[in-house]
Each structure stands twice: as C-alpha cells, then as structure tokens.
C-alpha cells in the first residue's frame, strides 16, 4: 500500500500546476504569456465582457528587477478590445518573490485598446469568447 500511495497522488500534483495555460507563440519575444481559463469571469450589463488573469514570465530580469507580471484584463467580446484593470509586478517567476510598487497611473483602469489581428491578445479573446462575440 505504501508503494501505491505515491502513484495515486501523482495526478493531484500535476493537476495543481495545470491551471495556467500558455498562449501565443512568444519564442521570439522576451517573455512567456499564460492565462488562467478556469478563472475567467463574465462582467458587464449583457455579459459581453470577460475578465481574465494573465501572467507574463520574463526570460531575463529587467533593470527594474521585474521577472513576472500578473495582470487582470477585461476583454470586450462584442467590440474586440481590451483594457487592463489591475497589474502587479514581481521579482520572481510565476508572481512570486517581492511585489514591486507601481506608480498610481498604472493602477487605474486603462483605456480600451483595440485587439490587433494575429496578436497574442487575439488568441486570448478567441479562447475566452470562442466565436469572437458573446453568445
């Protein structure tokens, strides 16, 4: 029984780390981008908005000590645009380590940004709004 228990717990270990899903081809970029599709929430008067947690892991630590960023973005499925709602920066990968301060302007809601074709953001909106529009 003691030999079987570790094998039974193995799937639990893998599922705990499987919540973030990599999006986009960032092989030529300085970062990797992930989303947490299990925590996508609907918002807005007609539920045409989706709030998505995004995580950027940087391949090299920046001069400002940033190694990762965790972002709450809102995607407008109907108009195919997004805005940032919250952004946190960290010294470690996967939003670990010390949280670094942001200036006050960075912490407020951003303006709506149109989603460019063939971008990572387009892949995200197509994932959280499968047909690109609200159902």
N, C-alpha and C. Protein backbone atom coordinates (compact mmCIF):
# COMPACT_ATOMS: atom_id res chain seq x y z
N UNK A 1 0.82 -1.19 0.00
CA UNK A 1 0.00 0.00 0.00
C UNK A 1 0.86 1.25 0.00
N UNK A 2 1.96 1.27 0.76
CA UNK A 2 2.83 2.44 0.82
C UNK A 2 3.48 2.72 -0.54
N UNK A 3 3.68 1.69 -1.35
CA UNK A 3 4.27 1.89 -2.67
C UNK A 3 3.24 2.42 -3.66
N UNK A 4 1.99 2.14 -3.44
CA UNK A 4 0.93 2.58 -4.36
C UNK A 4 0.51 4.02 -4.08
N UNK A 5 0.56 4.45 -2.83
CA UNK A 5 0.10 5.79 -2.46
C UNK A 5 0.78 6.90 -3.27
N UNK A 6 2.11 6.90 -3.45
CA UNK A 6 2.71 7.96 -4.26
C UNK A 6 2.18 7.97 -5.70
N UNK A 7 1.89 6.82 -6.26
CA UNK A 7 1.36 6.77 -7.61
C UNK A 7 -0.06 7.33 -7.67
N UNK A 8 -0.83 7.12 -6.62
CA UNK A 8 -2.18 7.66 -6.57
C UNK A 8 -2.17 9.19 -6.43
N UNK A 9 -1.18 9.73 -5.75
CA UNK A 9 -1.10 11.16 -5.54
C UNK A 9 -0.48 11.90 -6.72
N UNK A 10 0.15 11.21 -7.63
CA UNK A 10 0.82 11.83 -8.77
C UNK A 10 -0.11 12.68 -9.62
N UNK A 11 -1.32 12.21 -9.99
CA UNK A 11 -2.21 13.08 -10.77
C UNK A 11 -2.60 14.36 -10.04
N UNK A 12 -2.68 14.32 -8.71
CA UNK A 12 -3.02 15.51 -7.93
C UNK A 12 -1.92 16.55 -8.09
N UNK A 13 -0.67 16.13 -8.08
CA UNK A 13 0.44 17.06 -8.24
C UNK A 13 0.40 17.74 -9.60
N UNK A 14 0.12 16.97 -10.64
CA UNK A 14 0.09 17.54 -11.98
C UNK A 14 -1.10 18.47 -12.17
N UNK A 15 -2.25 18.15 -11.63
CA UNK A 15 -3.43 18.99 -11.82
C UNK A 15 -3.30 20.31 -11.07
N UNK A 16 -2.57 20.34 -9.98
CA UNK A 16 -2.41 21.58 -9.23
C UNK A 16 -1.61 22.60 -10.01
N UNK A 17 -0.67 22.17 -10.85
CA UNK A 17 0.14 23.10 -11.61
C UNK A 17 -0.41 23.34 -13.00
N UNK A 18 -1.57 22.78 -13.32
CA UNK A 18 -2.09 22.86 -14.69
C UNK A 18 -3.08 24.00 -14.88
N UNK A 19 -3.25 24.92 -13.92
CA UNK A 19 -4.26 25.94 -14.09
C UNK A 19 -3.86 27.01 -15.11
N UNK A 20 -2.59 27.35 -15.24
CA UNK A 20 -2.15 28.34 -16.22
C UNK A 20 -1.90 27.66 -17.56
N UNK A 21 -2.39 28.27 -18.64
CA UNK A 21 -2.24 27.73 -19.99
C UNK A 21 -1.47 28.75 -20.82
N UNK A 22 -0.39 28.28 -21.47
CA UNK A 22 0.40 29.20 -22.28
C UNK A 22 -0.36 29.59 -23.54
N UNK A 23 -0.26 30.86 -23.91
CA UNK A 23 -0.92 31.36 -25.11
C UNK A 23 0.11 32.08 -25.98
N UNK A 24 -0.13 32.03 -27.27
CA UNK A 24 0.70 32.76 -28.21
C UNK A 24 2.06 32.13 -28.43
N UNK A 25 2.62 32.43 -29.57
CA UNK A 25 3.97 32.00 -29.89
C UNK A 25 4.91 33.12 -29.48
N UNK A 26 5.52 32.99 -28.32
CA UNK A 26 6.42 34.02 -27.81
C UNK A 26 7.87 33.58 -27.88
N UNK A 27 8.17 32.62 -28.74
CA UNK A 27 9.54 32.10 -28.81
C UNK A 27 10.53 33.18 -29.22
N UNK A 28 10.11 34.17 -29.98
CA UNK A 28 10.99 35.26 -30.39
C UNK A 28 10.93 36.45 -29.43
N UNK A 29 10.08 36.39 -28.43
CA UNK A 29 9.90 37.51 -27.50
C UNK A 29 10.71 37.29 -26.23
N UNK A 30 10.71 38.30 -25.39
CA UNK A 30 11.44 38.25 -24.13
C UNK A 30 10.59 37.71 -22.98
N UNK A 31 9.41 37.16 -23.29
CA UNK A 31 8.51 36.72 -22.23
C UNK A 31 7.69 35.52 -22.70
N UNK A 32 7.06 34.86 -21.73
CA UNK A 32 6.06 33.83 -21.99
C UNK A 32 4.76 34.33 -21.38
N UNK A 33 3.65 34.14 -22.07
CA UNK A 33 2.36 34.61 -21.57
C UNK A 33 1.45 33.43 -21.30
N UNK A 34 0.77 33.48 -20.16
CA UNK A 34 -0.14 32.44 -19.72
C UNK A 34 -1.47 33.08 -19.32
N UNK A 35 -2.55 32.31 -19.44
CA UNK A 35 -3.85 32.74 -18.90
C UNK A 35 -4.37 31.63 -18.01
N UNK A 36 -5.31 31.99 -17.15
CA UNK A 36 -5.96 31.03 -16.27
C UNK A 36 -7.42 30.90 -16.71
N UNK A 37 -7.70 30.01 -17.67
CA UNK A 37 -9.06 29.92 -18.23
C UNK A 37 -10.12 29.47 -17.23
N UNK A 38 -9.72 28.81 -16.15
CA UNK A 38 -10.69 28.36 -15.16
C UNK A 38 -11.21 29.51 -14.30
N UNK A 39 -10.52 30.65 -14.32
CA UNK A 39 -10.94 31.78 -13.50
C UNK A 39 -11.47 32.94 -14.34
N UNK A 40 -11.86 32.67 -15.58
CA UNK A 40 -12.46 33.69 -16.43
C UNK A 40 -13.85 33.99 -15.88
N UNK A 41 -14.15 35.27 -15.68
CA UNK A 41 -15.47 35.66 -15.20
C UNK A 41 -16.14 36.58 -16.20
N UNK A 42 -17.46 36.55 -16.21
CA UNK A 42 -18.22 37.43 -17.08
C UNK A 42 -18.57 38.69 -16.30
N UNK A 43 -18.58 39.81 -17.00
CA UNK A 43 -18.99 41.07 -16.38
C UNK A 43 -19.69 41.90 -17.44
N UNK A 44 -20.25 43.01 -17.03
CA UNK A 44 -20.93 43.88 -17.96
C UNK A 44 -22.42 43.64 -17.97
N UNK A 45 -23.17 44.61 -18.50
CA UNK A 45 -24.63 44.53 -18.44
C UNK A 45 -25.21 43.35 -19.21
N UNK A 46 -24.59 42.95 -20.28
CA UNK A 46 -25.11 41.83 -21.07
C UNK A 46 -24.12 40.67 -21.11
N UNK A 47 -23.18 40.68 -20.16
CA UNK A 47 -22.16 39.62 -20.05
C UNK A 47 -21.37 39.48 -21.34
N UNK A 48 -21.07 40.62 -21.98
CA UNK A 48 -20.23 40.56 -23.18
C UNK A 48 -18.77 40.75 -22.83
N UNK A 49 -18.48 40.96 -21.56
CA UNK A 49 -17.11 41.17 -21.11
C UNK A 49 -16.61 39.91 -20.41
N UNK A 50 -15.34 39.65 -20.55
CA UNK A 50 -14.70 38.55 -19.84
C UNK A 50 -13.48 39.12 -19.11
N UNK A 51 -13.38 38.83 -17.82
CA UNK A 51 -12.19 39.21 -17.08
C UNK A 51 -11.26 38.01 -17.01
N UNK A 52 -10.00 38.23 -17.34
CA UNK A 52 -9.03 37.16 -17.50
C UNK A 52 -7.76 37.51 -16.72
N UNK A 53 -7.29 36.55 -15.92
CA UNK A 53 -5.98 36.73 -15.28
C UNK A 53 -4.91 36.28 -16.26
N UNK A 54 -3.92 37.14 -16.48
CA UNK A 54 -2.80 36.85 -17.37
C UNK A 54 -1.52 36.91 -16.56
N UNK A 55 -0.54 36.11 -16.98
CA UNK A 55 0.75 36.08 -16.31
C UNK A 55 1.84 36.16 -17.37
N UNK A 56 2.77 37.07 -17.18
CA UNK A 56 3.94 37.18 -18.05
C UNK A 56 5.16 36.77 -17.25
N UNK A 57 5.90 35.79 -17.76
CA UNK A 57 7.19 35.41 -17.19
C UNK A 57 8.26 35.90 -18.15
N UNK A 58 9.18 36.72 -17.66
CA UNK A 58 10.23 37.27 -18.50
C UNK A 58 11.44 36.36 -18.49
N UNK A 59 12.05 36.22 -19.65
CA UNK A 59 13.21 35.32 -19.77
C UNK A 59 14.45 35.92 -19.11
N UNK A 60 14.50 37.23 -19.01
CA UNK A 60 15.60 37.90 -18.33
C UNK A 60 15.02 38.94 -17.38
N UNK A 61 15.60 39.03 -16.21
CA UNK A 61 15.14 40.04 -15.23
C UNK A 61 15.45 41.42 -15.79
N UNK A 62 14.49 42.32 -15.72
CA UNK A 62 14.69 43.68 -16.21
C UNK A 62 15.53 44.51 -15.27
N UNK A 63 15.91 45.69 -15.73
CA UNK A 63 16.71 46.59 -14.90
C UNK A 63 15.94 47.04 -13.67
N UNK A 64 14.63 46.95 -13.73
CA UNK A 64 13.79 47.32 -12.59
C UNK A 64 13.48 46.11 -11.70
N UNK A 65 14.20 45.00 -11.90
CA UNK A 65 14.06 43.76 -11.12
C UNK A 65 12.78 42.99 -11.41
N UNK A 66 12.01 43.37 -12.41
CA UNK A 66 10.77 42.67 -12.73
C UNK A 66 11.09 41.37 -13.46
N UNK A 67 10.57 40.25 -12.92
CA UNK A 67 10.71 38.94 -13.55
C UNK A 67 9.37 38.42 -14.03
N UNK A 68 8.28 38.86 -13.39
CA UNK A 68 6.96 38.43 -13.83
C UNK A 68 5.94 39.52 -13.53
N UNK A 69 4.84 39.47 -14.27
CA UNK A 69 3.73 40.38 -14.06
C UNK A 69 2.44 39.57 -14.02
N UNK A 70 1.55 39.94 -13.14
CA UNK A 70 0.22 39.34 -13.10
C UNK A 70 -0.78 40.45 -13.41
N UNK A 71 -1.62 40.21 -14.39
CA UNK A 71 -2.50 41.25 -14.92
C UNK A 71 -3.94 40.74 -14.93
N UNK A 72 -4.86 41.58 -14.50
CA UNK A 72 -6.28 41.32 -14.69
C UNK A 72 -6.72 42.20 -15.84
N UNK A 73 -7.11 41.58 -16.94
CA UNK A 73 -7.55 42.31 -18.13
C UNK A 73 -9.02 42.02 -18.39
N UNK A 74 -9.69 43.00 -18.96
CA UNK A 74 -11.08 42.83 -19.34
C UNK A 74 -11.16 42.85 -20.86
N UNK A 75 -11.78 41.82 -21.42
CA UNK A 75 -11.93 41.69 -22.87
C UNK A 75 -13.38 41.95 -23.24
N UNK A 76 -13.59 42.85 -24.18
CA UNK A 76 -14.91 43.17 -24.71
C UNK A 76 -15.12 42.29 -25.94
N UNK A 77 -15.93 41.24 -25.79
CA UNK A 77 -16.13 40.26 -26.86
C UNK A 77 -16.82 40.89 -28.08
N UNK A 78 -17.76 41.78 -27.82
CA UNK A 78 -18.54 42.38 -28.90
C UNK A 78 -17.69 43.30 -29.78
N UNK A 79 -16.90 44.16 -29.16
CA UNK A 79 -16.13 45.17 -29.89
C UNK A 79 -14.66 44.79 -30.09
N UNK A 80 -14.28 43.60 -29.61
CA UNK A 80 -12.92 43.08 -29.77
C UNK A 80 -11.86 44.08 -29.33
N UNK A 81 -11.94 44.40 -28.04
CA UNK A 81 -10.97 45.31 -27.44
C UNK A 81 -10.70 44.87 -26.01
N UNK A 82 -9.67 45.43 -25.39
CA UNK A 82 -9.33 45.06 -24.02
C UNK A 82 -8.87 46.27 -23.25
N UNK A 83 -8.89 46.14 -21.93
CA UNK A 83 -8.30 47.14 -21.05
C UNK A 83 -7.75 46.44 -19.82
N UNK A 84 -6.72 47.04 -19.24
CA UNK A 84 -6.10 46.49 -18.05
C UNK A 84 -6.82 47.02 -16.82
N UNK A 85 -7.17 46.12 -15.91
CA UNK A 85 -7.86 46.51 -14.68
C UNK A 85 -6.91 46.55 -13.49
N UNK A 86 -5.96 45.62 -13.47
CA UNK A 86 -5.03 45.53 -12.34
C UNK A 86 -3.72 44.95 -12.86
N UNK A 87 -2.63 45.45 -12.32
CA UNK A 87 -1.31 44.95 -12.74
C UNK A 87 -0.39 44.92 -11.53
N UNK A 88 0.25 43.78 -11.31
CA UNK A 88 1.23 43.64 -10.23
C UNK A 88 2.52 43.11 -10.84
N UNK A 89 3.64 43.61 -10.34
CA UNK A 89 4.95 43.18 -10.83
C UNK A 89 5.71 42.50 -9.69
N UNK A 90 6.49 41.46 -10.04
CA UNK A 90 7.18 40.66 -9.02
C UNK A 90 8.63 40.41 -9.39
N UNK A 91 9.45 40.14 -8.37
CA UNK A 91 10.87 39.85 -8.59
C UNK A 91 11.10 38.40 -8.99
N UNK A 92 10.15 37.50 -8.72
CA UNK A 92 10.29 36.09 -9.05
C UNK A 92 9.35 35.66 -10.15
N UNK A 93 9.63 34.50 -10.74
CA UNK A 93 8.75 33.93 -11.75
C UNK A 93 7.42 33.54 -11.12
N UNK A 94 6.38 33.45 -11.92
CA UNK A 94 5.05 32.99 -11.50
C UNK A 94 4.48 33.85 -10.39
N UNK A 95 4.72 35.15 -10.45
CA UNK A 95 4.24 36.14 -9.47
C UNK A 95 4.63 35.76 -8.04
N UNK A 96 5.90 35.41 -7.88
CA UNK A 96 6.46 35.11 -6.57
C UNK A 96 7.53 36.14 -6.25
N UNK A 97 8.08 36.02 -5.09
CA UNK A 97 9.10 36.97 -4.67
C UNK A 97 8.46 38.24 -4.14
N UNK A 98 9.20 39.31 -4.20
CA UNK A 98 8.72 40.59 -3.69
C UNK A 98 7.84 41.28 -4.73
N UNK A 99 6.69 41.79 -4.28
CA UNK A 99 5.85 42.58 -5.18
C UNK A 99 6.44 43.98 -5.26
N UNK A 100 6.63 44.46 -6.48
CA UNK A 100 7.23 45.76 -6.70
C UNK A 100 6.15 46.83 -6.85
N UNK A 101 6.41 48.02 -6.34
CA UNK A 101 5.38 49.07 -6.40
C UNK A 101 5.18 49.58 -7.83
N UNK A 102 3.97 50.02 -8.10
CA UNK A 102 3.63 50.65 -9.37
C UNK A 102 3.29 52.11 -9.11
N UNK A 103 3.48 52.95 -10.11
CA UNK A 103 3.02 54.32 -9.92
C UNK A 103 1.50 54.36 -9.98
N UNK A 104 0.89 55.39 -9.47
CA UNK A 104 -0.57 55.45 -9.34
C UNK A 104 -1.28 55.38 -10.68
N UNK A 105 -0.72 55.96 -11.73
CA UNK A 105 -1.37 55.91 -13.03
C UNK A 105 -1.48 54.49 -13.56
N UNK A 106 -0.50 53.65 -13.27
CA UNK A 106 -0.52 52.26 -13.74
C UNK A 106 -1.58 51.44 -13.04
N UNK A 107 -2.05 51.87 -11.88
CA UNK A 107 -3.00 51.09 -11.11
C UNK A 107 -4.45 51.40 -11.46
N UNK A 108 -4.70 52.43 -12.26
CA UNK A 108 -6.06 52.77 -12.63
C UNK A 108 -6.46 52.01 -13.89
N UNK A 109 -7.76 51.99 -14.15
CA UNK A 109 -8.24 51.34 -15.37
C UNK A 109 -7.63 52.01 -16.59
N UNK A 110 -7.16 51.23 -17.51
CA UNK A 110 -6.60 51.79 -18.73
C UNK A 110 -7.71 52.08 -19.72
N UNK A 111 -7.35 52.77 -20.77
CA UNK A 111 -8.29 52.99 -21.87
C UNK A 111 -8.48 51.69 -22.62
N UNK A 112 -9.56 51.59 -23.37
CA UNK A 112 -9.79 50.41 -24.20
C UNK A 112 -8.79 50.40 -25.34
N UNK A 113 -8.24 49.23 -25.61
CA UNK A 113 -7.22 49.04 -26.66
C UNK A 113 -7.79 48.07 -27.69
N UNK A 114 -7.83 48.45 -28.97
CA UNK A 114 -8.31 47.51 -29.99
C UNK A 114 -7.37 46.31 -30.08
N UNK A 115 -7.94 45.15 -30.33
CA UNK A 115 -7.14 43.93 -30.46
C UNK A 115 -6.68 43.79 -31.90
N UNK A 116 -5.37 43.69 -32.05
CA UNK A 116 -4.76 43.59 -33.38
C UNK A 116 -4.89 42.16 -33.91
N UNK A 117 -5.12 42.00 -35.22
CA UNK A 117 -5.16 40.66 -35.81
C UNK A 117 -3.81 39.95 -35.64
N UNK A 118 -3.88 38.64 -35.45
CA UNK A 118 -2.70 37.77 -35.32
C UNK A 118 -1.82 38.13 -34.13
N UNK A 119 -2.42 38.67 -33.08
CA UNK A 119 -1.68 39.00 -31.86
C UNK A 119 -1.99 37.97 -30.78
N UNK A 120 -1.22 38.02 -29.71
CA UNK A 120 -1.50 37.15 -28.56
C UNK A 120 -2.86 37.50 -27.97
N UNK A 121 -3.18 38.78 -27.95
CA UNK A 121 -4.47 39.20 -27.41
C UNK A 121 -5.63 38.64 -28.23
N UNK A 122 -5.44 38.51 -29.55
CA UNK A 122 -6.47 37.91 -30.38
C UNK A 122 -6.66 36.44 -30.01
N UNK A 123 -5.57 35.76 -29.73
CA UNK A 123 -5.67 34.36 -29.31
C UNK A 123 -6.41 34.25 -27.98
N UNK A 124 -6.15 35.19 -27.07
CA UNK A 124 -6.83 35.17 -25.78
C UNK A 124 -8.32 35.42 -25.95
N UNK A 125 -8.70 36.45 -26.71
CA UNK A 125 -10.12 36.74 -26.87
C UNK A 125 -10.83 35.61 -27.60
N UNK A 126 -10.17 34.96 -28.53
CA UNK A 126 -10.78 33.82 -29.22
C UNK A 126 -10.94 32.63 -28.29
N UNK A 127 -10.13 32.57 -27.23
CA UNK A 127 -10.24 31.50 -26.25
C UNK A 127 -11.37 31.78 -25.27
N UNK A 128 -11.44 33.00 -24.77
CA UNK A 128 -12.44 33.33 -23.73
C UNK A 128 -13.79 33.70 -24.34
N UNK A 129 -13.82 34.09 -25.60
CA UNK A 129 -15.05 34.38 -26.35
C UNK A 129 -14.94 33.54 -27.63
N UNK A 130 -15.22 32.26 -27.58
CA UNK A 130 -14.87 31.33 -28.65
C UNK A 130 -15.21 31.75 -30.07
N UNK A 131 -16.35 32.42 -30.29
CA UNK A 131 -16.64 32.83 -31.65
C UNK A 131 -16.29 34.31 -31.87
N UNK A 132 -15.57 34.91 -30.90
CA UNK A 132 -15.17 36.30 -31.02
C UNK A 132 -16.23 37.28 -30.61
N UNK A 133 -17.40 36.81 -30.35
CA UNK A 133 -18.52 37.65 -29.93
C UNK A 133 -19.20 36.93 -28.76
N UNK A 134 -20.05 37.63 -28.08
CA UNK A 134 -20.80 36.99 -27.00
C UNK A 134 -21.87 36.09 -27.59
N UNK A 135 -22.17 35.00 -26.91
CA UNK A 135 -23.20 34.06 -27.40
C UNK A 135 -24.58 34.58 -27.13
